Amino acid sequence: MAGIHITDIETSINWWRARHPSHDGITACPEVLALAEVYALMVYYREHEADEATLPQLARTAWLAWYASTPDAPCIAICSTSQGDALCKGCGRTFEEVQHWTAMTPGQKRGVWRRITLEAKAWRFNKYAERAGRATGEDHPDPAELDATAPARQ
């Protein structure tokens, strides 16, 4: 089971609220309502994660739309797993996560993103933070495109 963390549900609710604000200050768009129901049940049952596979269809579609707006891969083109490290110094993913990234579900990818963000030990969060700011979310981008001297993509 790939779990979608409650903070991702909350972030996707806020993403939808920013895109489709209430016209009367009370009524929410259908996507917000669907995600809010999932969020409320998670709070009520004290669950930290919702099962990606069993989300109600509208909530899943709304969550996936938000997910599509986030960077896919944390790669900053400094992959130490190719040098034999079990954990990449650049992005913080394990060798297995790097190898199987394209086969992972959105929920699994968000779980990895959550872990590496909480750990904040990978170079993307400190030594090469400027590279991370230039990264587009592409897995294994061209290192030249992430150099500090190159202009940032729009």
C-alpha atoms as a PDB file:
ATOM      1  CA  MET A   1       0.000   0.000   0.000  1.00  0.00           C
ATOM      2  CA  ALA A   2       1.323   3.398  -0.972  1.00  0.00           C
ATOM      3  CA  GLY A   3       0.224   5.930   1.586  1.00  0.00           C
ATOM      4  CA  ILE A   4      -0.558   9.563   0.873  1.00  0.00           C
ATOM      5  CA  HIS A   5       0.446  11.589   3.908  1.00  0.00           C
ATOM      6  CA  ILE A   6      -2.092  13.925   5.475  1.00  0.00           C
ATOM      7  CA  THR A   7       0.161  16.911   4.739  1.00  0.00           C
ATOM      8  CA  ASP A   8      -0.067  16.097   1.013  1.00  0.00           C
ATOM      9  CA  ILE A   9      -3.873  15.979   1.251  1.00  0.00           C
ATOM     10  CA  GLU A  10      -3.850  19.344   3.036  1.00  0.00           C
ATOM     11  CA  THR A  11      -1.460  20.862   0.496  1.00  0.00           C
ATOM     12  CA  SER A  12      -3.586  19.641  -2.392  1.00  0.00           C
ATOM     13  CA  ILE A  13      -6.708  21.144  -0.756  1.00  0.00           C
ATOM     14  CA  ASN A  14      -4.947  24.516  -0.510  1.00  0.00           C
ATOM     15  CA  TRP A  15      -3.701  24.186  -4.099  1.00  0.00           C
ATOM     16  CA  TRP A  16      -7.284  23.671  -5.309  1.00  0.00           C
ATOM     17  CA  ARG A  17      -8.601  26.502  -3.092  1.00  0.00           C
ATOM     18  CA  ALA A  18      -6.096  28.880  -4.685  1.00  0.00           C
ATOM     19  CA  ARG A  19      -7.155  27.826  -8.184  1.00  0.00           C
ATOM     20  CA  HIS A  20     -10.916  27.770  -7.600  1.00  0.00           C
ATOM     21  CA  PRO A  21     -11.691  30.188  -4.770  1.00  0.00           C
ATOM     22  CA  SER A  22     -15.159  30.193  -3.294  1.00  0.00           C
ATOM     23  CA  HIS A  23     -17.396  32.736  -4.985  1.00  0.00           C
ATOM     24  CA  ASP A  24     -19.429  33.258  -1.808  1.00  0.00           C
ATOM     25  CA  GLY A  25     -16.862  32.448   0.888  1.00  0.00           C
ATOM     26  CA  ILE A  26     -18.743  29.298   1.881  1.00  0.00           C
ATOM     27  CA  THR A  27     -19.042  26.949  -1.072  1.00  0.00           C
ATOM     28  CA  ALA A  28     -15.975  24.965  -2.088  1.00  0.00           C
ATOM     29  CA  CYS A  29     -15.284  23.439  -5.487  1.00  0.00           C
ATOM     30  CA  PRO A  30     -15.957  19.677  -5.910  1.00  0.00           C
ATOM     31  CA  GLU A  31     -12.240  18.836  -5.744  1.00  0.00           C
ATOM     32  CA  VAL A  32     -11.829  20.591  -2.390  1.00  0.00           C
ATOM     33  CA  LEU A  33     -14.942  18.887  -1.032  1.00  0.00           C
ATOM     34  CA  ALA A  34     -13.700  15.449  -2.097  1.00  0.00           C
ATOM     35  CA  LEU A  35     -10.245  15.989  -0.600  1.00  0.00           C
ATOM     36  CA  ALA A  36     -11.695  17.597   2.547  1.00  0.00           C
ATOM     37  CA  GLU A  37     -13.801  14.502   3.182  1.00  0.00           C
ATOM     38  CA  VAL A  38     -10.683  12.314   3.030  1.00  0.00           C
ATOM     39  CA  TYR A  39      -8.819  14.790   5.261  1.00  0.00           C
ATOM     40  CA  ALA A  40     -11.641  14.885   7.824  1.00  0.00           C
ATOM     41  CA  LEU A  41     -11.797  11.098   8.031  1.00  0.00           C
ATOM     42  CA  MET A  42      -8.033  10.923   8.475  1.00  0.00           C
ATOM     43  CA  VAL A  43      -8.222  13.403  11.350  1.00  0.00           C
ATOM     44  CA  TYR A  44     -11.213  11.653  12.932  1.00  0.00           C
ATOM     45  CA  TYR A  45      -9.562   8.226  12.804  1.00  0.00           C
ATOM     46  CA  ARG A  46      -6.115   9.678  13.658  1.00  0.00           C
ATOM     47  CA  GLU A  47      -4.582   8.315  10.466  1.00  0.00           C
ATOM     48  CA  HIS A  48      -1.431   9.859   9.057  1.00  0.00           C
ATOM     49  CA  GLU A  49      -1.750   8.261   5.626  1.00  0.00           C
ATOM     50  CA  ALA A  50      -4.558   7.431   3.203  1.00  0.00           C
ATOM     51  CA  ASP A  51      -4.250   4.397   0.945  1.00  0.00           C
ATOM     52  CA  GLU A  52      -3.523   5.651  -2.558  1.00  0.00           C
ATOM     53  CA  ALA A  53      -5.395   2.765  -4.188  1.00  0.00           C
ATOM     54  CA  THR A  54      -8.632   3.209  -2.230  1.00  0.00           C
ATOM     55  CA  LEU A  55      -9.112   6.983  -2.391  1.00  0.00           C
ATOM     56  CA  PRO A  56     -12.544   7.952  -3.735  1.00  0.00           C
ATOM     57  CA  GLN A  57     -12.242   8.622  -7.476  1.00  0.00           C
ATOM     58  CA  LEU A  58     -12.833  12.397  -7.360  1.00  0.00           C
ATOM     59  CA  ALA A  59     -10.391  12.809  -4.451  1.00  0.00           C
ATOM     60  CA  ARG A  60      -7.795  10.714  -6.279  1.00  0.00           C
ATOM     61  CA  THR A  61      -8.222  12.717  -9.492  1.00  0.00           C
ATOM     62  CA  ALA A  62      -7.939  15.996  -7.553  1.00  0.00           C
ATOM     63  CA  TRP A  63      -4.875  14.769  -5.662  1.00  0.00           C
ATOM     64  CA  LEU A  64      -3.225  13.592  -8.898  1.00  0.00           C
ATOM     65  CA  ALA A  65      -3.821  17.009 -10.494  1.00  0.00           C
ATOM     66  CA  TRP A  66      -1.976  18.624  -7.573  1.00  0.00           C
ATOM     67  CA  TYR A  67       0.717  15.933  -7.741  1.00  0.00           C
ATOM     68  CA  ALA A  68       1.290  16.736 -11.441  1.00  0.00           C
ATOM     69  CA  SER A  69       2.155  20.309 -10.411  1.00  0.00           C
ATOM     70  CA  THR A  70       5.018  19.129  -8.157  1.00  0.00           C
ATOM     71  CA  PRO A  71       8.540  18.153  -9.243  1.00  0.00           C
ATOM     72  CA  ASP A  72       8.633  14.458 -10.099  1.00  0.00           C
ATOM     73  CA  ALA A  73      12.167  13.461  -9.119  1.00  0.00           C
ATOM     74  CA  PRO A  74      14.483  15.006  -6.527  1.00  0.00           C
ATOM     75  CA  CYS A  75      17.541  14.393  -8.738  1.00  0.00           C
ATOM     76  CA  ILE A  76      20.096  17.228  -8.966  1.00  0.00           C
ATOM     77  CA  ALA A  77      22.403  15.364 -11.391  1.00  0.00           C
ATOM     78  CA  ILE A  78      24.934  14.367  -8.738  1.00  0.00           C
ATOM     79  CA  CYS A  79      24.164  10.675  -8.370  1.00  0.00           C
ATOM     80  CA  SER A  80      26.494   8.934  -5.959  1.00  0.00           C
ATOM     81  CA  THR A  81      24.587   5.632  -6.272  1.00  0.00           C
ATOM     82  CA  SER A  82      26.305   5.233  -9.639  1.00  0.00           C
ATOM     83  CA  GLN A  83      29.565   5.257  -7.651  1.00  0.00           C
ATOM     84  CA  GLY A  84      28.384   2.489  -5.335  1.00  0.00           C
ATOM     85  CA  ASP A  85      26.692   4.411  -2.523  1.00  0.00           C
ATOM     86  CA  ALA A  86      23.582   2.794  -1.080  1.00  0.00           C
ATOM     87  CA  LEU A  87      22.106   6.275  -0.507  1.00  0.00           C
ATOM     88  CA  CYS A  88      22.578   9.079  -3.033  1.00  0.00           C
ATOM     89  CA  LYS A  89      24.421  12.044  -1.560  1.00  0.00           C
ATOM     90  CA  GLY A  90      22.801  14.347  -4.119  1.00  0.00           C
ATOM     91  CA  CYS A  91      19.097  13.596  -3.725  1.00  0.00           C
ATOM     92  CA  GLY A  92      18.851  11.271  -0.720  1.00  0.00           C
ATOM     93  CA  ARG A  93      17.165   8.367  -2.500  1.00  0.00           C
ATOM     94  CA  THR A  94      18.293   4.784  -2.014  1.00  0.00           C
ATOM     95  CA  PHE A  95      19.860   2.860  -4.882  1.00  0.00           C
ATOM     96  CA  GLU A  96      16.605   0.894  -5.284  1.00  0.00           C
ATOM     97  CA  GLU A  97      14.512   4.079  -5.349  1.00  0.00           C
ATOM     98  CA  VAL A  98      16.736   5.603  -8.038  1.00  0.00           C
ATOM     99  CA  GLN A  99      16.609   2.416 -10.125  1.00  0.00           C
ATOM    100  CA  HIS A 100      12.828   1.932  -9.843  1.00  0.00           C
ATOM    101  CA  TRP A 101      11.697   5.571  -9.777  1.00  0.00           C
ATOM    102  CA  THR A 102       9.862   5.455 -13.116  1.00  0.00           C
ATOM    103  CA  ALA A 103       7.904   2.379 -12.014  1.00  0.00           C
ATOM    104  CA  MET A 104       6.852   3.853  -8.662  1.00  0.00           C
ATOM    105  CA  THR A 105       3.335   5.173  -8.097  1.00  0.00           C
ATOM    106  CA  PRO A 106       2.745   8.844  -7.265  1.00  0.00           C
ATOM    107  CA  GLY A 107       2.040   7.871  -3.643  1.00  0.00           C
ATOM    108  CA  GLN A 108       5.308   5.950  -3.394  1.00  0.00           C
ATOM    109  CA  LYS A 109       7.222   8.874  -4.893  1.00  0.00           C
ATOM    110  CA  ARG A 110       5.635  11.336  -2.465  1.00  0.00           C
ATOM    111  CA  GLY A 111       6.616   9.002   0.387  1.00  0.00           C
ATOM    112  CA  VAL A 112      10.236   9.178  -0.749  1.00  0.00           C
ATOM    113  CA  TRP A 113      10.027  12.957  -1.125  1.00  0.00           C
ATOM    114  CA  ARG A 114       8.625  13.215   2.402  1.00  0.00           C
ATOM    115  CA  ARG A 115      11.402  11.062   3.858  1.00  0.00           C
ATOM    116  CA  ILE A 116      14.257  12.895   2.153  1.00  0.00           C
ATOM    117  CA  THR A 117      12.743  16.287   3.017  1.00  0.00           C
ATOM    118  CA  LEU A 118      12.383  15.362   6.689  1.00  0.00           C
ATOM    119  CA  GLU A 119      15.923  13.977   6.771  1.00  0.00           C
ATOM    120  CA  ALA A 120      17.255  17.070   4.916  1.00  0.00           C
ATOM    121  CA  LYS A 121      20.730  15.484   4.693  1.00  0.00           C
ATOM    122  CA  ALA A 122      21.028  15.223   0.917  1.00  0.00           C
ATOM    123  CA  TRP A 123      23.080  17.846  -0.880  1.00  0.00           C
ATOM    124  CA  ARG A 124      19.922  19.127  -2.586  1.00  0.00           C
ATOM    125  CA  PHE A 125      18.942  20.623   0.788  1.00  0.00           C
ATOM    126  CA  ASN A 126      22.255  22.247   1.675  1.00  0.00           C
ATOM    127  CA  LYS A 127      25.499  22.157  -0.356  1.00  0.00           C
ATOM    128  CA  TYR A 128      23.727  22.253  -3.732  1.00  0.00           C
ATOM    129  CA  ALA A 129      20.457  23.955  -2.794  1.00  0.00           C
ATOM    130  CA  GLU A 130      20.864  26.372  -5.716  1.00  0.00           C
ATOM    131  CA  ARG A 131      20.950  23.366  -8.072  1.00  0.00           C
ATOM    132  CA  ALA A 132      17.753  22.060  -6.535  1.00  0.00           C
ATOM    133  CA  GLY A 133      16.164  25.445  -7.216  1.00  0.00           C
ATOM    134  CA  ARG A 134      17.025  25.048 -10.896  1.00  0.00           C
ATOM    135  CA  ALA A 135      15.917  21.407 -11.130  1.00  0.00           C
ATOM    136  CA  THR A 136      12.695  20.790 -13.016  1.00  0.00           C
ATOM    137  CA  GLY A 137      11.854  17.434 -11.482  1.00  0.00           C
ATOM    138  CA  GLU A 138      13.293  15.451 -14.368  1.00  0.00           C
ATOM    139  CA  ASP A 139      15.009  12.260 -13.230  1.00  0.00           C
ATOM    140  CA  HIS A 140      18.733  12.464 -14.088  1.00  0.00           C
ATOM    141  CA  PRO A 141      18.845  15.911 -15.741  1.00  0.00           C
ATOM    142  CA  ASP A 142      21.860  17.208 -17.650  1.00  0.00           C
ATOM    143  CA  PRO A 143      24.301  18.546 -15.000  1.00  0.00           C
ATOM    144  CA  ALA A 144      25.214  21.503 -17.237  1.00  0.00           C
ATOM    145  CA  GLU A 145      21.621  22.713 -17.052  1.00  0.00           C
ATOM    146  CA  LEU A 146      21.856  22.913 -13.261  1.00  0.00           C
ATOM    147  CA  ASP A 147      25.143  24.819 -13.005  1.00  0.00           C
ATOM    148  CA  ALA A 148      24.959  28.032 -11.013  1.00  0.00           C
ATOM    149  CA  THR A 149      26.204  29.968 -14.057  1.00  0.00           C
ATOM    150  CA  ALA A 150      23.374  28.785 -16.286  1.00  0.00           C
ATOM    151  CA  PRO A 151      20.212  30.919 -16.294  1.00  0.00           C
ATOM    152  CA  ALA A 152      17.233  29.386 -14.516  1.00  0.00           C
ATOM    153  CA  ARG A 153      14.479  27.895 -16.690  1.00  0.00           C
ATOM    154  CA  GLN A 154      11.207  29.758 -16.751  1.00  0.00           C
END
